[in-house]
Amino acid sequence: MSETSARLSLPYLAASQAQKHVTHNEALRLLDLWVQLVLEGFDADTPPVAPEDGQIWATGAAPTGDWAGQPHSLAIRDSESWQFTPLVAGCRALSRVSNTLLLWAGNSWQPLPPHTDNLEGLGIKTSFDATNRLSLAATASLFSHAPEGGGHQLKLNKALTEDTASLLFQTGWSGRAEMGTTGDDAFAIKVSADGTNWQTGLRFDPTNGQAQAPNGLSVTGSITGSAVQDTPSDTTAERLMTVGAFGLGLHDQSAALPPEDSLDDLQIQGFWRYGSATIGAPSSAGMMLHFTRIPSSSFGGMLQMAISHLGDVYFRARAADGWNSWSRIWQNRNTTVDANGFLKEASPILRLSDTGIEAPADPLEATFGKPDVGHYQLHNVPPLAGVGWQIEVPQDANGNRLVFVQTRYDATLRCLDIHTSAVRWEGAWVAGAAKNIPAARWIDLRFSNDPTAKSEKGDPD
């Protein structure tokens, strides 16, 4: 049987031992050393100058002086001498200086891990405070799944709806961005330039999940997917309209209108541009069309208005049995008031007076000349109109013509000669002596829109 205990080497009393008190006292001395061990210093290599009985130091790896040859031992001051006991792995000692509990791990002293439940706070490489109970000073932090695998969830819980549960991003301890539920239960992303004034970029309604951008939304890329129209004629509700779907964007005149380039079958509201081959068009001239319909109607309650590149305006409506005929709107571009106050259809028109010309509708690059009494020449003009009226002669209050008019057109020179004379009756109205157009009156001359039209001589009027 061993004479000392296995762990602390406490001496045992032998059965026939004399002076048993010596052995017993040595065991008590060792117990006094190990029980509730308090050290004056750790890893000490130099003995103190004036130690007191009962004080204990833990020596380091290379102690000197009275401690020489006693590395990693407990040096006990007892009866003005030093007693030594080797350190035992697992022993714990309280530092009298720092009031902390350390553990001898066999080769170094280590602080004991604290209890982790109900801590007042935790600071890692920094200090915690009353607000920031958990504080970390590091270049990065990692939250990973458990060793056996699975996911990882970070929970931020608040007591009441009006409280805050969020992640706050700072620059120089001043807030710049925040995401979470702040003051309500709607998830929001906010930003700030100064840490004081905050702007909400995105907010998600907790009742329906819809995203809101209170300060607007700027998109530099393309928006695609089922929330965008598939084609310019896609009428699916609540989809984003693409450029061209509203009609004005279809600047390609060859693009077919839905369906099959036909105005008669068009049912999609908007502005459309089409060319001369479009079915149901009021004119062969390329036009812009505005189409409106009553939403509750199928083929009734529709209106189409077309404007040609010549400025002519047409409109028509549709009843249940089909489209009405196109109606042309008369306006100051295609009409004029003649010398007698009547409204006349206009193409290019000139008002010829005794002293010059005036263009009330489409302008002409005409020049005026008067070689003789009752003789006028208009240069650089097309021939008179081949369809509809040509000449309107001024009349008096009783409807009598004030002058007799004769014309001749030279297509080569693009020159129209006009002769005016007094009116004589010889079973019919005939030309009399040459006469100027009366003062403050004029003759209306309507010219052809067709540059290929030819006219040698107009009928006398």
Protein backbone atom coordinates (compact mmCIF):
# COMPACT_ATOMS: atom_id res chain seq x y z
CA MET A 1 0.00 0.00 0.00
CA SER A 2 1.24 3.49 -0.89
CA GLU A 3 2.25 5.80 1.91
CA THR A 4 0.63 8.89 0.25
CA SER A 5 -2.68 9.66 -1.46
CA ALA A 6 -2.85 9.37 -5.26
CA ARG A 7 -3.83 12.97 -6.13
CA LEU A 8 -2.49 15.38 -3.49
CA SER A 9 0.22 13.10 -2.00
CA LEU A 10 -1.21 13.40 1.50
CA PRO A 11 0.73 11.11 3.92
CA TYR A 12 -1.07 8.12 5.38
CA LEU A 13 -0.72 7.02 9.04
CA ALA A 14 0.95 3.63 9.40
CA ALA A 15 -0.57 1.06 11.77
CA SER A 16 2.39 0.91 14.17
CA GLN A 17 3.75 4.36 13.44
CA ALA A 18 5.30 6.32 16.28
CA GLN A 19 4.73 10.05 16.51
CA LYS A 20 1.62 9.90 14.40
CA HIS A 21 1.02 13.57 14.99
CA VAL A 22 3.88 14.43 12.65
CA THR A 23 2.31 12.63 9.75
CA HIS A 24 -1.13 14.02 10.60
CA ASN A 25 0.15 17.58 10.78
CA GLU A 26 1.88 17.26 7.39
CA ALA A 27 -1.39 16.12 5.84
CA LEU A 28 -3.19 19.07 7.42
CA ARG A 29 -0.52 21.43 6.04
CA LEU A 30 -1.06 20.14 2.51
CA LEU A 31 -4.83 20.36 2.87
CA ASP A 32 -4.46 23.95 4.05
CA LEU A 33 -2.44 24.58 0.91
CA TRP A 34 -4.82 23.02 -1.65
CA VAL A 35 -8.23 23.74 -0.17
CA GLN A 36 -9.62 27.14 -1.36
CA LEU A 37 -6.30 27.91 -3.02
CA VAL A 38 -5.53 31.64 -3.30
CA LEU A 39 -2.35 32.75 -5.13
CA GLU A 40 -0.43 35.98 -4.89
CA GLY A 41 0.91 35.53 -8.42
CA PHE A 42 1.03 33.17 -11.37
CA ASP A 43 4.05 32.03 -13.40
CA ALA A 44 6.30 33.92 -10.98
CA ASP A 45 10.07 33.35 -11.36
CA THR A 46 11.46 35.74 -8.71
CA PRO A 47 10.69 35.29 -4.99
CA PRO A 48 9.18 38.31 -3.21
CA VAL A 49 11.42 40.41 -0.94
CA ALA A 50 9.23 40.27 2.18
CA PRO A 51 6.81 37.37 1.98
CA GLU A 52 4.39 36.61 4.79
CA ASP A 53 3.57 33.21 6.22
CA GLY A 54 0.63 31.61 4.43
CA GLN A 55 1.23 33.40 1.13
CA ILE A 56 1.47 31.17 -1.96
CA TRP A 57 2.87 31.76 -5.46
CA ALA A 58 2.74 29.58 -8.55
CA THR A 59 6.24 29.43 -10.02
CA GLY A 60 6.97 29.73 -13.71
CA ALA A 61 9.13 27.65 -16.02
CA ALA A 62 12.51 29.00 -14.76
CA PRO A 63 12.29 30.28 -11.17
CA THR A 64 15.37 31.81 -9.52
CA GLY A 65 16.77 32.45 -6.04
CA ASP A 66 15.09 30.46 -3.27
CA TRP A 67 12.74 29.04 -5.92
CA ALA A 68 15.44 27.68 -8.19
CA GLY A 69 14.83 24.12 -9.29
CA GLN A 70 11.09 24.27 -8.53
CA PRO A 71 9.37 24.99 -11.88
CA HIS A 72 5.58 24.89 -12.12
CA SER A 73 5.13 24.39 -8.39
CA LEU A 74 3.32 26.01 -5.53
CA ALA A 75 5.75 28.00 -3.35
CA ILE A 76 4.31 28.30 0.19
CA ARG A 77 5.79 30.64 2.79
CA ASP A 78 5.64 28.74 6.07
CA SER A 79 7.53 29.52 9.28
CA GLU A 80 9.86 31.91 7.48
CA SER A 81 10.87 29.23 4.95
CA TRP A 82 9.70 28.02 1.57
CA GLN A 83 7.85 24.78 1.01
CA PHE A 84 7.19 23.47 -2.53
CA THR A 85 4.50 21.21 -3.99
CA PRO A 86 4.30 20.40 -7.74
CA LEU A 87 1.22 21.67 -9.54
CA VAL A 88 -1.44 19.08 -10.34
CA ALA A 89 -3.37 19.34 -13.64
CA GLY A 90 -6.91 20.46 -12.94
CA CYS A 91 -6.20 22.45 -9.81
CA ARG A 92 -8.00 25.81 -9.56
CA ALA A 93 -6.75 28.95 -7.86
CA LEU A 94 -8.15 32.39 -7.19
CA SER A 95 -5.98 35.38 -8.03
CA ARG A 96 -5.83 37.71 -5.06
CA VAL A 97 -4.90 40.59 -7.41
CA SER A 98 -7.58 40.24 -10.13
CA ASN A 99 -10.12 38.19 -8.18
CA THR A 100 -10.41 35.78 -11.12
CA LEU A 101 -10.43 31.99 -11.00
CA LEU A 102 -7.80 30.20 -13.11
CA LEU A 103 -7.23 26.54 -13.98
CA TRP A 104 -3.85 24.79 -14.33
CA ALA A 105 -4.15 22.90 -17.62
CA GLY A 106 -0.87 20.99 -17.18
CA ASN A 107 1.29 23.50 -19.03
CA SER A 108 -0.39 26.90 -18.50
CA TRP A 109 -2.96 28.72 -16.43
CA GLN A 110 -6.32 29.22 -18.21
CA PRO A 111 -9.37 31.27 -17.15
CA LEU A 112 -12.37 29.16 -16.24
CA PRO A 113 -15.31 29.43 -18.71
CA PRO A 114 -18.06 31.49 -17.09
CA HIS A 115 -21.66 30.43 -16.72
CA THR A 116 -23.43 31.45 -19.95
CA ASP A 117 -26.99 31.65 -18.69
CA ASN A 118 -28.45 35.01 -17.65
CA LEU A 119 -25.26 36.93 -18.30
CA GLU A 120 -25.40 40.69 -17.89
CA GLY A 121 -23.59 41.00 -21.21
CA LEU A 122 -20.82 39.69 -23.40
CA GLY A 123 -18.01 41.58 -25.06
CA ILE A 124 -15.70 39.91 -27.56
CA LYS A 125 -12.53 41.96 -28.04
CA THR A 126 -14.53 44.93 -26.74
CA SER A 127 -16.86 45.87 -23.90
CA PHE A 128 -20.61 45.58 -23.71
CA ASP A 129 -22.83 48.28 -22.24
CA ALA A 130 -26.40 48.67 -21.00
CA THR A 131 -27.70 49.12 -24.57
CA ASN A 132 -25.39 46.82 -26.50
CA ARG A 133 -25.37 43.76 -24.26
CA LEU A 134 -23.58 41.71 -26.92
CA SER A 135 -20.60 43.46 -28.48
CA LEU A 136 -18.03 42.19 -30.97
CA ALA A 137 -14.97 43.92 -32.41
CA ALA A 138 -13.73 41.96 -35.43
CA THR A 139 -13.33 42.17 -39.20
CA ALA A 140 -16.01 39.51 -39.74
CA SER A 141 -18.45 37.26 -37.93
CA LEU A 142 -19.85 33.89 -38.96
CA PHE A 143 -23.12 32.21 -38.11
CA SER A 144 -23.13 28.67 -39.50
CA HIS A 145 -25.24 25.54 -39.39
CA ALA A 146 -24.78 22.90 -36.71
CA PRO A 147 -21.98 20.32 -37.16
CA GLU A 148 -24.54 17.69 -38.09
CA GLY A 149 -25.83 19.91 -40.90
CA GLY A 150 -29.12 21.71 -41.54
CA GLY A 151 -29.86 25.39 -41.90
CA HIS A 152 -29.42 28.43 -39.73
CA GLN A 153 -31.95 31.07 -38.70
CA LEU A 154 -31.26 34.42 -37.05
CA LYS A 155 -34.21 35.63 -34.99
CA LEU A 156 -34.95 39.25 -34.06
CA ASN A 157 -37.95 39.45 -31.76
CA LYS A 158 -39.75 42.54 -30.47
CA ALA A 159 -42.41 42.75 -27.79
CA LEU A 160 -44.95 45.06 -29.44
CA THR A 161 -45.88 46.17 -32.95
CA GLU A 162 -44.71 49.72 -32.30
CA ASP A 163 -41.25 48.48 -31.21
CA THR A 164 -38.28 47.99 -33.53
CA ALA A 165 -36.65 44.81 -34.82
CA SER A 166 -34.05 45.70 -37.42
CA LEU A 167 -30.51 45.58 -38.73
CA LEU A 168 -28.80 48.97 -38.63
CA PHE A 169 -25.81 49.75 -40.87
CA GLN A 170 -23.55 52.59 -39.70
CA THR A 171 -20.62 54.67 -40.91
CA GLY A 172 -18.56 56.22 -38.11
CA TRP A 173 -21.31 55.25 -35.64
CA SER A 174 -23.89 57.19 -37.69
CA GLY A 175 -26.78 55.29 -39.28
CA ARG A 176 -26.84 55.00 -43.08
CA ALA A 177 -29.21 52.09 -43.78
CA GLU A 178 -31.76 50.09 -41.82
CA MET A 179 -33.87 47.07 -42.69
CA GLY A 180 -36.55 45.48 -40.57
CA THR A 181 -39.83 46.32 -38.85
CA THR A 182 -39.53 49.78 -37.32
CA GLY A 183 -42.58 51.16 -35.54
CA ASP A 184 -44.99 48.73 -37.21
CA ASP A 185 -45.04 45.20 -38.66
CA ALA A 186 -44.28 46.19 -42.26
CA PHE A 187 -40.80 45.19 -43.43
CA ALA A 188 -39.01 48.27 -44.74
CA ILE A 189 -35.62 49.27 -46.10
CA LYS A 190 -34.56 52.80 -45.19
CA VAL A 191 -31.51 54.92 -45.97
CA SER A 192 -30.04 58.12 -44.57
CA ALA A 193 -27.30 60.49 -45.69
CA ASP A 194 -26.69 61.94 -42.22
CA GLY A 195 -28.08 59.46 -39.70
CA THR A 196 -30.92 61.83 -38.82
CA ASN A 197 -33.15 62.18 -41.87
CA TRP A 198 -34.37 58.82 -43.16
CA GLN A 199 -36.00 57.90 -46.48
CA THR A 200 -37.93 54.67 -47.05
CA GLY A 201 -36.80 52.97 -50.25
CA LEU A 202 -39.01 49.87 -50.10
CA ARG A 203 -41.88 48.88 -47.83
CA PHE A 204 -43.71 45.55 -47.89
CA ASP A 205 -47.32 45.44 -46.72
CA PRO A 206 -47.64 42.55 -44.22
CA THR A 207 -51.29 41.93 -45.16
CA ASN A 208 -50.78 41.27 -48.88
CA GLY A 209 -47.03 41.25 -49.51
CA GLN A 210 -47.18 44.10 -52.00
CA ALA A 211 -44.02 46.17 -52.35
CA GLN A 212 -44.24 49.94 -52.17
CA ALA A 213 -41.61 52.51 -53.20
CA PRO A 214 -42.72 55.73 -51.43
CA ASN A 215 -39.88 57.78 -52.95
CA GLY A 216 -40.13 56.38 -56.46
CA LEU A 217 -38.28 53.65 -58.32
CA SER A 218 -35.46 54.01 -60.85
CA VAL A 219 -34.68 51.00 -63.05
CA THR A 220 -31.66 51.07 -65.37
CA GLY A 221 -32.11 47.57 -66.78
CA SER A 222 -35.03 45.91 -68.54
CA ILE A 223 -38.17 44.71 -66.78
CA THR A 224 -39.31 41.31 -68.04
CA GLY A 225 -41.59 38.48 -67.02
CA SER A 226 -45.30 37.87 -66.77
CA ALA A 227 -45.91 41.35 -65.33
CA VAL A 228 -45.03 42.90 -68.72
CA GLN A 229 -47.12 42.83 -71.90
CA ASP A 230 -46.16 40.04 -74.31
CA THR A 231 -47.09 42.06 -77.39
CA PRO A 232 -48.34 45.60 -78.10
CA SER A 233 -51.86 44.15 -78.30
CA ASP A 234 -51.68 42.27 -74.95
CA THR A 235 -54.62 43.53 -72.84
CA THR A 236 -54.05 41.36 -69.76
CA ALA A 237 -55.09 43.32 -66.67
CA GLU A 238 -52.43 44.88 -64.40
CA ARG A 239 -49.51 44.23 -66.77
CA LEU A 240 -46.88 46.88 -67.50
CA MET A 241 -47.29 48.62 -70.85
CA THR A 242 -44.28 48.46 -73.15
CA VAL A 243 -43.11 51.19 -75.51
CA GLY A 244 -45.19 50.88 -78.66
CA ALA A 245 -48.22 49.33 -76.99
CA PHE A 246 -49.87 52.75 -76.79
CA GLY A 247 -49.71 53.17 -80.55
CA LEU A 248 -47.54 56.28 -80.85
CA GLY A 249 -44.48 54.14 -80.37
CA LEU A 250 -45.23 52.08 -83.50
CA HIS A 251 -43.22 54.32 -85.80
CA ASP A 252 -42.65 51.49 -88.29
CA GLN A 253 -45.29 52.10 -90.95
CA SER A 254 -45.00 48.51 -92.16
CA ALA A 255 -46.04 47.09 -88.80
CA ALA A 256 -49.41 45.37 -89.08
CA LEU A 257 -52.26 46.47 -86.87
CA PRO A 258 -53.97 43.70 -84.92
CA PRO A 259 -55.75 41.80 -86.27
CA GLU A 260 -54.37 41.48 -89.80
CA ASP A 261 -53.81 45.21 -90.41
CA SER A 262 -57.55 45.97 -90.43
CA LEU A 263 -59.18 49.04 -88.90
CA ASP A 264 -62.58 47.35 -89.24
CA ASP A 265 -61.60 44.59 -86.78
CA LEU A 266 -59.48 46.68 -84.41
CA GLN A 267 -60.69 46.48 -80.79
CA ILE A 268 -57.61 47.63 -78.85
CA GLN A 269 -57.81 51.21 -77.65
CA GLY A 270 -54.94 53.60 -78.23
CA PHE A 271 -53.04 55.54 -80.87
CA TRP A 272 -52.02 53.67 -84.02
CA ARG A 273 -50.07 54.56 -87.12
CA TYR A 274 -50.70 52.73 -90.37
CA GLY A 275 -49.96 52.88 -94.07
CA SER A 276 -51.78 52.86 -97.38
CA ALA A 277 -52.38 49.08 -97.35
CA THR A 278 -54.42 49.09 -94.15
CA ILE A 279 -57.93 47.66 -94.56
CA GLY A 280 -60.80 50.01 -93.76
CA ALA A 281 -58.73 53.20 -93.95
CA PRO A 282 -60.51 56.41 -95.06
CA SER A 283 -57.66 57.43 -97.36
CA SER A 284 -54.57 55.97 -98.98
CA ALA A 285 -52.47 58.60 -97.23
CA GLY A 286 -50.58 57.32 -94.20
CA MET A 287 -52.36 58.30 -91.01
CA MET A 288 -52.42 58.34 -87.24
CA LEU A 289 -55.51 56.72 -85.74
CA HIS A 290 -57.05 57.26 -82.32
CA PHE A 291 -59.39 54.43 -81.28
CA THR A 292 -61.74 54.62 -78.28
CA ARG A 293 -64.34 52.14 -77.08
CA ILE A 294 -66.72 51.66 -74.18
CA PRO A 295 -65.25 48.86 -72.02
CA SER A 296 -68.60 47.12 -71.49
CA SER A 297 -69.26 46.98 -75.22
CA SER A 298 -68.22 44.21 -77.61
CA PHE A 299 -68.50 45.75 -81.08
CA GLY A 300 -70.77 48.67 -80.21
CA GLY A 301 -69.82 52.02 -78.70
CA MET A 302 -66.62 52.52 -80.70
CA LEU A 303 -65.10 55.64 -82.24
CA GLN A 304 -62.17 55.98 -84.63
CA MET A 305 -60.56 59.28 -85.61
CA ALA A 306 -57.86 59.43 -88.28
CA ILE A 307 -55.53 62.26 -89.29
CA SER A 308 -53.59 62.03 -92.55
CA HIS A 309 -50.14 63.43 -93.18
CA LEU A 310 -51.90 66.03 -95.34
CA GLY A 311 -53.80 67.27 -92.30
CA ASP A 312 -57.20 65.84 -93.27
CA VAL A 313 -59.31 64.61 -90.35
CA TYR A 314 -61.78 61.71 -90.59
CA PHE A 315 -63.99 60.00 -88.03
CA ARG A 316 -66.52 57.21 -87.81
CA ALA A 317 -68.51 55.36 -85.16
CA ARG A 318 -69.68 51.79 -84.84
CA ALA A 319 -73.08 50.54 -83.83
CA ALA A 320 -73.95 46.91 -83.17
CA ASP A 321 -74.46 46.20 -86.89
CA GLY A 322 -71.14 47.63 -88.10
CA TRP A 323 -69.09 50.72 -88.79
CA ASN A 324 -70.61 53.89 -90.20
CA SER A 325 -69.02 55.49 -93.25
CA TRP A 326 -66.02 57.71 -92.71
CA SER A 327 -66.85 61.42 -92.37
CA ARG A 328 -64.36 64.09 -93.32
CA ILE A 329 -64.07 67.19 -91.17
CA TRP A 330 -64.03 70.46 -93.08
CA GLN A 331 -61.65 72.94 -91.54
CA ASN A 332 -59.61 75.97 -92.53
CA ARG A 333 -57.02 73.82 -94.25
CA ASN A 334 -59.39 72.19 -96.74
CA THR A 335 -61.99 74.98 -97.04
CA THR A 336 -62.02 78.68 -97.76
CA VAL A 337 -64.53 81.52 -97.82
CA ASP A 338 -64.96 82.67 -101.43
CA ALA A 339 -65.36 86.17 -102.79
CA ASN A 340 -69.08 86.05 -102.08
CA GLY A 341 -68.88 84.74 -98.49
CA PHE A 342 -69.59 81.07 -99.26
CA LEU A 343 -67.62 78.14 -97.78
CA LYS A 344 -65.74 76.28 -100.52
CA GLU A 345 -63.68 73.10 -100.62
CA ALA A 346 -60.02 73.96 -100.75
CA SER A 347 -56.96 72.41 -102.19
CA PRO A 348 -54.27 74.96 -102.97
CA ILE A 349 -56.23 78.23 -103.36
CA LEU A 350 -55.20 81.73 -104.40
CA ARG A 351 -57.20 84.91 -104.03
CA LEU A 352 -56.50 87.10 -107.05
CA SER A 353 -57.15 90.82 -106.69
CA ASP A 354 -56.23 93.68 -108.98
CA THR A 355 -53.06 94.37 -107.02
CA GLY A 356 -51.80 90.93 -105.98
CA ILE A 357 -52.51 87.45 -104.60
CA GLU A 358 -53.22 85.88 -101.20
CA ALA A 359 -53.15 82.19 -100.17
CA PRO A 360 -55.86 81.54 -97.52
CA ALA A 361 -55.32 77.74 -97.36
CA ASP A 362 -52.39 75.66 -98.67
CA PRO A 363 -49.66 78.12 -99.67
CA LEU A 364 -48.34 78.20 -103.23
CA GLU A 365 -44.99 79.54 -104.37
CA ALA A 366 -46.75 81.67 -106.99
CA THR A 367 -45.65 85.03 -108.38
CA PHE A 368 -48.04 87.75 -109.56
CA GLY A 369 -47.93 89.80 -112.73
CA LYS A 370 -50.29 92.24 -114.54
CA PRO A 371 -49.26 92.86 -118.16
CA ASP A 372 -52.34 94.91 -119.10
CA VAL A 373 -55.83 96.01 -118.11
CA GLY A 374 -57.81 92.95 -117.09
CA HIS A 375 -54.84 90.68 -117.79
CA TYR A 376 -53.15 88.84 -114.90
CA GLN A 377 -50.42 86.18 -114.89
CA LEU A 378 -49.64 83.67 -112.12
CA HIS A 379 -46.27 81.95 -112.50
CA ASN A 380 -45.05 78.72 -110.80
CA VAL A 381 -48.53 77.29 -110.21
CA PRO A 382 -50.13 73.89 -110.98
CA PRO A 383 -53.18 73.69 -113.25
CA LEU A 384 -56.64 74.49 -111.94
CA ALA A 385 -58.44 71.68 -110.12
CA GLY A 386 -59.80 68.95 -112.35
CA VAL A 387 -62.48 67.85 -109.86
CA GLY A 388 -64.85 70.18 -108.06
CA TRP A 389 -64.91 73.92 -108.43
CA GLN A 390 -62.15 75.98 -110.08
CA ILE A 391 -63.12 79.65 -110.14
CA GLU A 392 -65.40 81.75 -107.96
CA VAL A 393 -66.26 85.16 -109.46
CA PRO A 394 -67.24 88.12 -107.25
CA GLN A 395 -70.91 89.17 -107.45
CA ASP A 396 -72.95 92.20 -106.48
CA ALA A 397 -75.76 92.26 -103.94
CA ASN A 398 -78.21 90.92 -106.53
CA GLY A 399 -76.02 88.00 -107.53
CA ASN A 400 -74.79 89.58 -110.76
CA ARG A 401 -71.20 88.82 -111.72
CA LEU A 402 -68.91 91.80 -111.58
CA VAL A 403 -66.45 90.52 -114.20
CA PHE A 404 -66.25 87.86 -116.86
CA VAL A 405 -63.24 85.51 -116.41
CA GLN A 406 -61.25 83.48 -118.97
CA THR A 407 -58.10 81.42 -118.22
CA ARG A 408 -55.37 79.59 -120.11
CA TYR A 409 -52.66 77.39 -118.52
CA ASP A 410 -49.20 76.72 -119.99
CA ALA A 411 -47.93 73.48 -118.44
CA THR A 412 -44.41 74.00 -119.73
CA LEU A 413 -44.06 77.42 -118.16
CA ARG A 414 -46.37 76.57 -115.22
CA CYS A 415 -48.11 79.84 -115.93
CA LEU A 416 -51.82 80.67 -115.68
CA ASP A 417 -53.14 83.62 -117.72
CA ILE A 418 -56.36 85.22 -116.39
CA HIS A 419 -58.35 87.73 -118.46
CA THR A 420 -61.17 89.71 -116.85
CA SER A 421 -63.68 91.83 -118.76
CA ALA A 422 -67.02 93.51 -118.45
CA VAL A 423 -70.04 91.20 -118.59
CA ARG A 424 -72.39 91.44 -121.60
CA TRP A 425 -75.60 89.55 -122.26
CA GLU A 426 -76.10 88.24 -125.80
CA GLY A 427 -78.45 85.38 -125.13
CA ALA A 428 -75.71 84.24 -122.80
CA TRP A 429 -73.06 85.91 -120.71
CA VAL A 430 -70.09 86.88 -122.88
CA ALA A 431 -66.90 88.87 -122.48
CA GLY A 432 -67.02 92.56 -123.07
CA ALA A 433 -64.23 95.09 -122.90
CA ALA A 434 -61.20 94.34 -120.71
CA LYS A 435 -61.86 95.33 -117.12
CA ASN A 436 -59.82 95.15 -113.93
CA ILE A 437 -61.05 93.24 -110.90
CA PRO A 438 -63.02 95.72 -108.78
CA ALA A 439 -61.29 97.21 -105.75
CA ALA A 440 -61.68 95.31 -102.45
CA ARG A 441 -62.95 92.23 -104.34
CA TRP A 442 -61.14 89.14 -105.57
CA ILE A 443 -61.42 86.00 -107.66
CA ASP A 444 -60.92 82.60 -105.95
CA LEU A 445 -58.79 80.17 -107.97
CA ARG A 446 -58.58 76.52 -106.85
CA PHE A 447 -55.61 74.53 -108.11
CA SER A 448 -54.95 70.82 -108.49
CA ASN A 449 -53.17 68.74 -105.86
CA ASP A 450 -51.95 66.41 -108.62
CA PRO A 451 -48.64 67.68 -110.05
CA THR A 452 -49.16 65.58 -113.22
CA ALA A 453 -52.50 67.20 -114.07
CA LYS A 454 -52.59 69.28 -117.28
CA SER A 455 -55.02 71.95 -118.41
CA GLU A 456 -54.72 74.05 -121.53
CA LYS A 457 -57.73 76.27 -121.05
CA GLY A 458 -60.29 76.65 -118.35
CA ASP A 459 -63.97 77.17 -119.09
CA PRO A 460 -65.07 80.81 -119.20
CA ASP A 461 -66.81 81.91 -116.05
